[in-house]
């Protein structure tokens, strides 16, 4: 079962992926083709409904032209947002 914290973190990561994608003027389909992930996976990820593996994260950073650090920029645990 997923707890609220992981959902919040996944939601933040999804928003970050969407932001980086749009900043690069990529559609979900273009990112899908570039990363080798399905368009539906990209969509689910951006909505915080996927918990990506390290392999998936590495595909995304390569496709987006960013580092893992840049990908996770601004993504923080819920506790840090509350306190």
N, C-alpha and C. Protein backbone atom coordinates (compact mmCIF):
# COMPACT_ATOMS: atom_id res chain seq x y z
N UNK A 1 0.83 -1.19 0.00
CA UNK A 1 0.00 0.00 0.00
C UNK A 1 0.87 1.25 0.00
N UNK A 2 0.51 2.23 -0.78
CA UNK A 2 1.28 3.46 -0.85
C UNK A 2 0.78 4.42 0.22
N UNK A 3 1.73 5.10 0.85
CA UNK A 3 1.32 6.09 1.83
C UNK A 3 1.28 7.47 1.19
N UNK A 4 0.76 8.43 1.90
CA UNK A 4 0.62 9.78 1.38
C UNK A 4 1.94 10.42 1.02
N UNK A 5 2.99 10.10 1.77
CA UNK A 5 4.28 10.69 1.49
C UNK A 5 4.83 10.23 0.14
N UNK A 6 4.76 8.93 -0.15
CA UNK A 6 5.29 8.45 -1.41
C UNK A 6 4.46 8.99 -2.58
N UNK A 7 3.16 9.08 -2.39
CA UNK A 7 2.33 9.63 -3.45
C UNK A 7 2.68 11.08 -3.71
N UNK A 8 2.92 11.82 -2.65
CA UNK A 8 3.28 13.22 -2.82
C UNK A 8 4.62 13.35 -3.53
N UNK A 9 5.58 12.53 -3.16
CA UNK A 9 6.89 12.56 -3.81
C UNK A 9 6.77 12.16 -5.27
N UNK A 10 5.99 11.12 -5.56
CA UNK A 10 5.79 10.69 -6.94
C UNK A 10 5.08 11.76 -7.75
N UNK A 11 4.14 12.43 -7.12
CA UNK A 11 3.44 13.52 -7.79
C UNK A 11 4.40 14.67 -8.13
N UNK A 12 5.27 15.00 -7.19
CA UNK A 12 6.26 16.05 -7.43
C UNK A 12 7.21 15.66 -8.56
N UNK A 13 7.65 14.40 -8.55
CA UNK A 13 8.55 13.93 -9.60
C UNK A 13 7.85 14.00 -10.95
N UNK A 14 6.60 13.60 -10.98
CA UNK A 14 5.84 13.66 -12.22
C UNK A 14 5.71 15.07 -12.76
N UNK A 15 5.45 16.01 -11.87
CA UNK A 15 5.34 17.41 -12.28
C UNK A 15 6.69 17.91 -12.80
N UNK A 16 7.77 17.46 -12.19
CA UNK A 16 9.11 17.85 -12.61
C UNK A 16 9.42 17.31 -14.00
N UNK A 17 9.07 16.05 -14.25
CA UNK A 17 9.27 15.45 -15.58
C UNK A 17 8.47 16.24 -16.62
N UNK A 18 7.22 16.54 -16.30
CA UNK A 18 6.38 17.30 -17.24
C UNK A 18 6.98 18.68 -17.51
N UNK A 19 7.45 19.34 -16.47
CA UNK A 19 8.06 20.66 -16.63
C UNK A 19 9.28 20.59 -17.54
N UNK A 20 10.17 19.65 -17.27
CA UNK A 20 11.39 19.52 -18.08
C UNK A 20 11.05 19.16 -19.52
N UNK A 21 10.06 18.31 -19.70
CA UNK A 21 9.63 17.93 -21.05
C UNK A 21 9.11 19.14 -21.81
N UNK A 22 8.23 19.89 -21.17
CA UNK A 22 7.65 21.06 -21.83
C UNK A 22 8.69 22.14 -22.08
N UNK A 23 9.63 22.30 -21.15
CA UNK A 23 10.70 23.28 -21.31
C UNK A 23 11.52 22.99 -22.57
N UNK A 24 11.59 21.72 -22.93
CA UNK A 24 12.34 21.31 -24.11
C UNK A 24 11.45 21.18 -25.34
N UNK A 25 10.22 21.64 -25.21
CA UNK A 25 9.25 21.61 -26.32
C UNK A 25 9.05 20.20 -26.86
N UNK A 26 8.98 19.23 -25.95
CA UNK A 26 8.73 17.84 -26.32
C UNK A 26 7.30 17.46 -25.97
N UNK A 27 6.67 16.70 -26.83
CA UNK A 27 5.38 16.12 -26.49
C UNK A 27 5.64 14.84 -25.69
N UNK A 28 4.59 14.31 -25.10
CA UNK A 28 4.75 13.02 -24.41
C UNK A 28 5.19 11.95 -25.41
N UNK A 29 4.68 12.01 -26.61
CA UNK A 29 5.05 11.04 -27.64
C UNK A 29 6.53 11.17 -27.99
N UNK A 30 7.01 12.40 -28.15
CA UNK A 30 8.42 12.60 -28.48
C UNK A 30 9.32 12.09 -27.36
N UNK A 31 8.95 12.36 -26.10
CA UNK A 31 9.74 11.85 -24.98
C UNK A 31 9.67 10.34 -24.92
N UNK A 32 8.52 9.80 -25.24
CA UNK A 32 8.36 8.35 -25.29
C UNK A 32 9.31 7.73 -26.30
N UNK A 33 9.35 8.28 -27.49
CA UNK A 33 10.22 7.75 -28.54
C UNK A 33 11.69 7.92 -28.17
N UNK A 34 12.03 9.03 -27.58
CA UNK A 34 13.42 9.32 -27.21
C UNK A 34 13.90 8.42 -26.06
N UNK A 35 13.00 8.11 -25.13
CA UNK A 35 13.38 7.34 -23.94
C UNK A 35 13.14 5.83 -24.08
N UNK A 36 12.34 5.44 -25.06
CA UNK A 36 12.00 4.03 -25.20
C UNK A 36 10.91 3.58 -24.24
N UNK A 37 10.25 4.54 -23.61
CA UNK A 37 9.13 4.24 -22.70
C UNK A 37 7.83 4.50 -23.45
N UNK A 38 6.77 3.82 -23.06
CA UNK A 38 5.50 4.04 -23.75
C UNK A 38 4.92 5.41 -23.39
N UNK A 39 4.12 5.93 -24.32
CA UNK A 39 3.47 7.23 -24.07
C UNK A 39 2.57 7.14 -22.85
N UNK A 40 1.89 6.01 -22.67
CA UNK A 40 1.01 5.87 -21.51
C UNK A 40 1.83 5.84 -20.21
N UNK A 41 3.03 5.27 -20.25
CA UNK A 41 3.90 5.27 -19.06
C UNK A 41 4.29 6.70 -18.72
N UNK A 42 4.69 7.48 -19.73
CA UNK A 42 5.07 8.88 -19.51
C UNK A 42 3.89 9.64 -18.90
N UNK A 43 2.70 9.43 -19.44
CA UNK A 43 1.50 10.09 -18.94
C UNK A 43 1.24 9.72 -17.48
N UNK A 44 1.29 8.42 -17.19
CA UNK A 44 1.08 7.96 -15.81
C UNK A 44 2.13 8.54 -14.88
N UNK A 45 3.38 8.56 -15.31
CA UNK A 45 4.47 9.10 -14.50
C UNK A 45 4.23 10.57 -14.18
N UNK A 46 3.85 11.33 -15.19
CA UNK A 46 3.63 12.77 -14.99
C UNK A 46 2.45 13.04 -14.07
N UNK A 47 1.53 12.10 -13.97
CA UNK A 47 0.39 12.25 -13.05
C UNK A 47 0.68 11.65 -11.68
N UNK A 48 1.91 11.20 -11.46
CA UNK A 48 2.30 10.65 -10.16
C UNK A 48 1.76 9.26 -9.90
N UNK A 49 1.41 8.54 -10.97
CA UNK A 49 0.82 7.22 -10.83
C UNK A 49 1.80 6.08 -11.10
N UNK A 50 3.06 6.42 -11.29
CA UNK A 50 4.10 5.41 -11.50
C UNK A 50 5.24 5.66 -10.53
N UNK A 51 5.87 4.57 -10.11
CA UNK A 51 7.04 4.64 -9.26
C UNK A 51 8.20 4.11 -10.10
N UNK A 52 8.93 5.01 -10.77
CA UNK A 52 9.93 4.57 -11.74
C UNK A 52 11.13 3.89 -11.11
N UNK A 53 11.68 2.91 -11.83
CA UNK A 53 12.90 2.25 -11.41
C UNK A 53 14.10 3.14 -11.75
N UNK A 54 15.25 2.76 -11.26
CA UNK A 54 16.47 3.50 -11.58
C UNK A 54 16.70 3.46 -13.09
N UNK A 55 16.45 2.32 -13.71
CA UNK A 55 16.63 2.20 -15.16
C UNK A 55 15.75 3.20 -15.91
N UNK A 56 14.50 3.33 -15.48
CA UNK A 56 13.58 4.28 -16.11
C UNK A 56 14.08 5.72 -15.89
N UNK A 57 14.53 6.03 -14.68
CA UNK A 57 15.05 7.37 -14.41
C UNK A 57 16.25 7.68 -15.29
N UNK A 58 17.12 6.71 -15.49
CA UNK A 58 18.29 6.92 -16.35
C UNK A 58 17.89 7.13 -17.81
N UNK A 59 16.87 6.43 -18.27
CA UNK A 59 16.35 6.65 -19.63
C UNK A 59 15.81 8.07 -19.76
N UNK A 60 15.09 8.52 -18.73
CA UNK A 60 14.49 9.86 -18.77
C UNK A 60 15.56 10.95 -18.77
N UNK A 61 16.57 10.82 -17.91
CA UNK A 61 17.59 11.88 -17.86
C UNK A 61 18.35 11.95 -19.18
N UNK A 62 18.59 10.80 -19.79
CA UNK A 62 19.28 10.80 -21.09
C UNK A 62 18.40 11.47 -22.15
N UNK A 63 17.12 11.11 -22.17
CA UNK A 63 16.19 11.66 -23.17
C UNK A 63 15.97 13.15 -22.97
N UNK A 64 15.97 13.60 -21.71
CA UNK A 64 15.74 15.01 -21.41
C UNK A 64 17.03 15.84 -21.42
N UNK A 65 18.17 15.16 -21.42
CA UNK A 65 19.45 15.88 -21.42
C UNK A 65 19.75 16.56 -20.10
N UNK A 66 19.38 15.91 -19.01
CA UNK A 66 19.63 16.45 -17.67
C UNK A 66 20.35 15.39 -16.83
N UNK A 67 20.81 15.81 -15.66
CA UNK A 67 21.40 14.87 -14.71
C UNK A 67 20.30 14.38 -13.76
N UNK A 68 20.60 13.32 -13.03
CA UNK A 68 19.65 12.87 -12.01
C UNK A 68 19.39 13.98 -11.00
N UNK A 69 20.44 14.72 -10.65
CA UNK A 69 20.28 15.83 -9.71
C UNK A 69 19.30 16.87 -10.25
N UNK A 70 19.43 17.19 -11.52
CA UNK A 70 18.51 18.16 -12.13
C UNK A 70 17.08 17.61 -12.20
N UNK A 71 16.97 16.32 -12.48
CA UNK A 71 15.64 15.70 -12.54
C UNK A 71 14.93 15.81 -11.20
N UNK A 72 15.67 15.60 -10.12
CA UNK A 72 15.06 15.63 -8.80
C UNK A 72 15.08 17.02 -8.16
N UNK A 73 15.52 18.03 -8.87
CA UNK A 73 15.55 19.39 -8.34
C UNK A 73 14.18 19.84 -7.87
N UNK A 74 14.07 20.18 -6.59
CA UNK A 74 12.80 20.66 -6.05
C UNK A 74 11.88 19.56 -5.55
N UNK A 75 12.22 18.30 -5.76
CA UNK A 75 11.41 17.19 -5.26
C UNK A 75 11.86 16.88 -3.84
N UNK A 76 10.95 17.08 -2.88
CA UNK A 76 11.29 16.89 -1.47
C UNK A 76 10.22 16.04 -0.78
N UNK A 77 10.62 15.35 0.30
CA UNK A 77 9.61 14.60 1.07
C UNK A 77 8.55 15.53 1.64
N UNK A 78 7.37 15.01 1.80
CA UNK A 78 6.24 15.77 2.30
C UNK A 78 6.57 16.46 3.64
N UNK A 79 7.32 15.75 4.51
CA UNK A 79 7.64 16.31 5.82
C UNK A 79 8.37 17.65 5.70
N UNK A 80 9.22 17.78 4.69
CA UNK A 80 9.97 19.02 4.50
C UNK A 80 9.06 20.15 4.03
N UNK A 81 8.01 19.80 3.32
CA UNK A 81 7.08 20.82 2.87
C UNK A 81 6.21 21.34 4.01
N UNK A 82 5.93 20.47 4.97
CA UNK A 82 5.05 20.83 6.07
C UNK A 82 5.78 21.62 7.14
N UNK A 83 7.02 21.26 7.41
CA UNK A 83 7.75 21.90 8.51
C UNK A 83 8.46 23.14 8.11
